[in-house]
Amino acid sequence: TGMGIRLDGGTAYTGGVITRYYDSLLTKVTAWAPTPEKAIARMDRALREFRIRGVSTNIAFVENLLKHPVFLSNDYTTTFIDETPE
């Protein structure tokens, strides 16, 4: 964690065993900053430094989302992910 970064733990813990069929929140990371641009930069760094081993995550998906021009323009709706397959 760092300035403006918050981690909320799910049910995962160091040494815990999670099967490949597990589908729940391991941990949630959120970012805060005075501007959206700074919050995005903080989240980008936090995700690049984040380490979860042994299970698949959506970190790469979120990293790509943070770089998408429509997301960066703040001109999107709740259907953005459904309508933007790339």
N, C-alpha and C. Protein backbone atom coordinates (compact mmCIF):
# COMPACT_ATOMS: atom_id res chain seq x y z
N THR A 1 0.85 -1.19 0.00
CA THR A 1 0.00 0.00 0.00
C THR A 1 0.88 1.23 0.00
N GLY A 2 0.32 2.32 -0.34
CA GLY A 2 1.05 3.58 -0.37
C GLY A 2 0.05 4.71 -0.29
N MET A 3 0.55 5.91 -0.42
CA MET A 3 -0.29 7.10 -0.36
C MET A 3 -1.43 7.01 -1.38
N GLY A 4 -2.66 7.06 -0.91
CA GLY A 4 -3.81 7.03 -1.79
C GLY A 4 -4.22 5.65 -2.27
N ILE A 5 -3.59 4.60 -1.76
CA ILE A 5 -3.93 3.23 -2.15
C ILE A 5 -4.51 2.51 -0.94
N ARG A 6 -5.60 1.82 -1.16
CA ARG A 6 -6.25 1.06 -0.08
C ARG A 6 -6.45 -0.38 -0.53
N LEU A 7 -6.11 -1.31 0.34
CA LEU A 7 -6.36 -2.73 0.09
C LEU A 7 -7.42 -3.22 1.05
N ASP A 8 -8.44 -3.85 0.52
CA ASP A 8 -9.46 -4.49 1.34
C ASP A 8 -9.34 -5.98 1.09
N GLY A 9 -9.05 -6.72 2.14
CA GLY A 9 -8.84 -8.15 2.00
C GLY A 9 -10.14 -8.91 1.94
N GLY A 10 -10.13 -9.93 1.11
CA GLY A 10 -11.24 -10.86 1.05
C GLY A 10 -10.95 -11.99 2.03
N THR A 11 -11.01 -13.19 1.54
CA THR A 11 -10.78 -14.34 2.41
C THR A 11 -9.42 -14.97 2.20
N ALA A 12 -8.56 -14.32 1.42
CA ALA A 12 -7.22 -14.86 1.16
C ALA A 12 -6.26 -14.46 2.27
N TYR A 13 -5.27 -15.30 2.49
CA TYR A 13 -4.22 -15.00 3.46
C TYR A 13 -2.95 -15.72 3.03
N THR A 14 -1.82 -15.25 3.49
CA THR A 14 -0.54 -15.85 3.14
C THR A 14 -0.53 -17.32 3.51
N GLY A 15 -0.21 -18.15 2.53
CA GLY A 15 -0.18 -19.58 2.77
C GLY A 15 -1.51 -20.27 2.56
N GLY A 16 -2.55 -19.50 2.33
CA GLY A 16 -3.87 -20.09 2.10
C GLY A 16 -3.91 -20.86 0.79
N VAL A 17 -4.75 -21.86 0.73
CA VAL A 17 -4.89 -22.67 -0.47
C VAL A 17 -6.22 -22.34 -1.14
N ILE A 18 -6.14 -21.98 -2.41
CA ILE A 18 -7.32 -21.62 -3.18
C ILE A 18 -7.37 -22.54 -4.39
N THR A 19 -8.46 -23.27 -4.56
CA THR A 19 -8.56 -24.17 -5.70
C THR A 19 -8.82 -23.38 -6.97
N ARG A 20 -8.62 -24.01 -8.11
CA ARG A 20 -8.84 -23.31 -9.37
C ARG A 20 -10.32 -23.02 -9.61
N TYR A 21 -11.20 -23.60 -8.83
CA TYR A 21 -12.64 -23.36 -8.96
C TYR A 21 -13.12 -22.22 -8.07
N TYR A 22 -12.23 -21.65 -7.30
CA TYR A 22 -12.58 -20.57 -6.38
C TYR A 22 -12.96 -19.33 -7.18
N ASP A 23 -14.08 -18.75 -6.88
CA ASP A 23 -14.54 -17.56 -7.60
C ASP A 23 -15.08 -16.55 -6.60
N SER A 24 -14.19 -15.85 -5.96
CA SER A 24 -14.60 -14.86 -4.99
C SER A 24 -13.53 -13.78 -4.91
N LEU A 25 -13.78 -12.79 -4.12
CA LEU A 25 -12.85 -11.68 -3.98
C LEU A 25 -11.65 -12.10 -3.15
N LEU A 26 -10.47 -12.04 -3.76
CA LEU A 26 -9.24 -12.30 -3.01
C LEU A 26 -8.83 -11.05 -2.25
N THR A 27 -8.77 -9.95 -2.98
CA THR A 27 -8.48 -8.66 -2.37
C THR A 27 -8.94 -7.57 -3.34
N LYS A 28 -9.23 -6.42 -2.81
CA LYS A 28 -9.67 -5.30 -3.64
C LYS A 28 -8.71 -4.14 -3.42
N VAL A 29 -8.28 -3.54 -4.51
CA VAL A 29 -7.41 -2.37 -4.41
C VAL A 29 -8.16 -1.16 -4.96
N THR A 30 -8.11 -0.06 -4.24
CA THR A 30 -8.72 1.18 -4.70
C THR A 30 -7.68 2.30 -4.60
N ALA A 31 -7.86 3.30 -5.45
CA ALA A 31 -6.93 4.43 -5.46
C ALA A 31 -7.71 5.72 -5.30
N TRP A 32 -7.10 6.66 -4.58
CA TRP A 32 -7.69 7.98 -4.40
C TRP A 32 -6.61 9.00 -4.71
N ALA A 33 -7.03 10.12 -5.30
CA ALA A 33 -6.15 11.26 -5.54
C ALA A 33 -7.04 12.48 -5.79
N PRO A 34 -6.46 13.66 -5.74
CA PRO A 34 -7.26 14.87 -5.96
C PRO A 34 -7.87 14.98 -7.35
N THR A 35 -7.27 14.32 -8.35
CA THR A 35 -7.80 14.37 -9.71
C THR A 35 -7.91 12.95 -10.26
N PRO A 36 -8.81 12.74 -11.22
CA PRO A 36 -8.91 11.40 -11.83
C PRO A 36 -7.59 10.95 -12.45
N GLU A 37 -6.88 11.86 -13.09
CA GLU A 37 -5.61 11.50 -13.73
C GLU A 37 -4.60 10.97 -12.72
N LYS A 38 -4.52 11.62 -11.57
CA LYS A 38 -3.58 11.17 -10.53
C LYS A 38 -4.04 9.85 -9.91
N ALA A 39 -5.35 9.68 -9.75
CA ALA A 39 -5.86 8.42 -9.20
C ALA A 39 -5.56 7.27 -10.17
N ILE A 40 -5.72 7.51 -11.46
CA ILE A 40 -5.42 6.48 -12.45
C ILE A 40 -3.93 6.14 -12.41
N ALA A 41 -3.08 7.15 -12.31
CA ALA A 41 -1.64 6.90 -12.24
C ALA A 41 -1.29 6.08 -10.99
N ARG A 42 -1.91 6.40 -9.87
CA ARG A 42 -1.66 5.63 -8.64
C ARG A 42 -2.12 4.19 -8.78
N MET A 43 -3.30 4.01 -9.36
CA MET A 43 -3.81 2.66 -9.55
C MET A 43 -2.92 1.88 -10.51
N ASP A 44 -2.48 2.52 -11.58
CA ASP A 44 -1.60 1.86 -12.54
C ASP A 44 -0.33 1.37 -11.84
N ARG A 45 0.26 2.20 -11.04
CA ARG A 45 1.48 1.79 -10.33
C ARG A 45 1.18 0.67 -9.34
N ALA A 46 0.11 0.80 -8.60
CA ALA A 46 -0.24 -0.24 -7.62
C ALA A 46 -0.45 -1.59 -8.31
N LEU A 47 -1.11 -1.59 -9.45
CA LEU A 47 -1.34 -2.85 -10.16
C LEU A 47 -0.05 -3.43 -10.72
N ARG A 48 0.85 -2.56 -11.20
CA ARG A 48 2.13 -3.06 -11.71
C ARG A 48 2.97 -3.69 -10.60
N GLU A 49 2.78 -3.22 -9.37
CA GLU A 49 3.55 -3.75 -8.24
C GLU A 49 2.84 -4.88 -7.50
N PHE A 50 1.59 -5.11 -7.84
CA PHE A 50 0.78 -6.12 -7.16
C PHE A 50 1.25 -7.53 -7.50
N ARG A 51 1.28 -8.41 -6.54
CA ARG A 51 1.70 -9.79 -6.77
C ARG A 51 0.71 -10.76 -6.14
N ILE A 52 0.10 -11.56 -6.99
CA ILE A 52 -0.74 -12.67 -6.54
C ILE A 52 -0.28 -13.87 -7.35
N ARG A 53 0.05 -14.94 -6.68
CA ARG A 53 0.57 -16.12 -7.37
C ARG A 53 -0.37 -17.30 -7.17
N GLY A 54 -0.40 -18.15 -8.20
CA GLY A 54 -1.13 -19.41 -8.07
C GLY A 54 -2.55 -19.42 -8.58
N VAL A 55 -3.13 -18.26 -8.81
CA VAL A 55 -4.49 -18.19 -9.36
C VAL A 55 -4.52 -17.13 -10.45
N SER A 56 -5.47 -17.25 -11.34
CA SER A 56 -5.65 -16.23 -12.38
C SER A 56 -6.31 -15.00 -11.76
N THR A 57 -5.94 -13.84 -12.26
CA THR A 57 -6.55 -12.58 -11.79
C THR A 57 -6.98 -11.75 -12.99
N ASN A 58 -7.63 -10.66 -12.73
CA ASN A 58 -8.02 -9.74 -13.79
C ASN A 58 -7.13 -8.50 -13.81
N ILE A 59 -5.95 -8.58 -13.22
CA ILE A 59 -5.05 -7.43 -13.15
C ILE A 59 -4.71 -6.91 -14.55
N ALA A 60 -4.35 -7.79 -15.47
CA ALA A 60 -4.00 -7.35 -16.84
C ALA A 60 -5.19 -6.66 -17.50
N PHE A 61 -6.39 -7.17 -17.28
CA PHE A 61 -7.60 -6.56 -17.83
C PHE A 61 -7.76 -5.13 -17.31
N VAL A 62 -7.60 -4.96 -16.00
CA VAL A 62 -7.78 -3.63 -15.40
C VAL A 62 -6.66 -2.68 -15.86
N GLU A 63 -5.43 -3.19 -15.98
CA GLU A 63 -4.34 -2.36 -16.49
C GLU A 63 -4.66 -1.84 -17.89
N ASN A 64 -5.19 -2.71 -18.75
CA ASN A 64 -5.58 -2.29 -20.10
C ASN A 64 -6.73 -1.29 -20.06
N LEU A 65 -7.68 -1.51 -19.18
CA LEU A 65 -8.81 -0.60 -19.03
C LEU A 65 -8.33 0.81 -18.66
N LEU A 66 -7.37 0.89 -17.75
CA LEU A 66 -6.85 2.19 -17.30
C LEU A 66 -6.17 2.97 -18.41
N LYS A 67 -5.74 2.29 -19.46
CA LYS A 67 -5.03 2.95 -20.57
C LYS A 67 -5.95 3.24 -21.76
N HIS A 68 -7.18 2.76 -21.71
CA HIS A 68 -8.09 2.92 -22.85
C HIS A 68 -8.48 4.40 -23.00
N PRO A 69 -8.42 4.93 -24.24
CA PRO A 69 -8.73 6.35 -24.46
C PRO A 69 -10.12 6.77 -23.97
N VAL A 70 -11.12 5.92 -24.15
CA VAL A 70 -12.47 6.27 -23.70
C VAL A 70 -12.51 6.36 -22.18
N PHE A 71 -11.87 5.43 -21.50
CA PHE A 71 -11.82 5.48 -20.04
C PHE A 71 -11.10 6.74 -19.58
N LEU A 72 -9.97 7.03 -20.22
CA LEU A 72 -9.19 8.22 -19.85
C LEU A 72 -9.95 9.51 -20.12
N SER A 73 -10.85 9.51 -21.10
CA SER A 73 -11.62 10.71 -21.43
C SER A 73 -12.77 10.93 -20.45
N ASN A 74 -13.06 9.92 -19.64
CA ASN A 74 -14.17 9.98 -18.69
C ASN A 74 -15.52 10.11 -19.41
N ASP A 75 -15.58 9.59 -20.63
CA ASP A 75 -16.79 9.66 -21.43
C ASP A 75 -17.30 8.25 -21.70
N TYR A 76 -17.74 7.58 -20.65
CA TYR A 76 -18.19 6.19 -20.78
C TYR A 76 -19.38 5.97 -19.86
N THR A 77 -20.06 4.85 -20.09
CA THR A 77 -21.21 4.49 -19.27
C THR A 77 -20.97 3.12 -18.66
N THR A 78 -21.95 2.62 -17.95
CA THR A 78 -21.81 1.30 -17.32
C THR A 78 -21.78 0.17 -18.34
N THR A 79 -22.06 0.46 -19.60
CA THR A 79 -21.98 -0.57 -20.64
C THR A 79 -20.63 -0.56 -21.35
N PHE A 80 -19.70 0.24 -20.89
CA PHE A 80 -18.39 0.38 -21.55
C PHE A 80 -17.70 -0.96 -21.77
N ILE A 81 -17.62 -1.79 -20.76
CA ILE A 81 -16.90 -3.06 -20.89
C ILE A 81 -17.61 -3.98 -21.88
N ASP A 82 -18.93 -4.03 -21.82
CA ASP A 82 -19.68 -4.87 -22.77
C ASP A 82 -19.52 -4.39 -24.21
N GLU A 83 -19.45 -3.08 -24.40
CA GLU A 83 -19.40 -2.50 -25.74
C GLU A 83 -17.98 -2.33 -26.28
N THR A 84 -16.98 -2.60 -25.47
CA THR A 84 -15.59 -2.39 -25.86
C THR A 84 -14.81 -3.68 -25.66
N PRO A 85 -14.90 -4.61 -26.59
CA PRO A 85 -14.27 -5.92 -26.39
C PRO A 85 -12.75 -5.89 -26.36
N GLU A 86 -12.14 -4.86 -26.97
CA GLU A 86 -10.69 -4.83 -26.97
C GLU A 86 -10.17 -4.46 -25.61
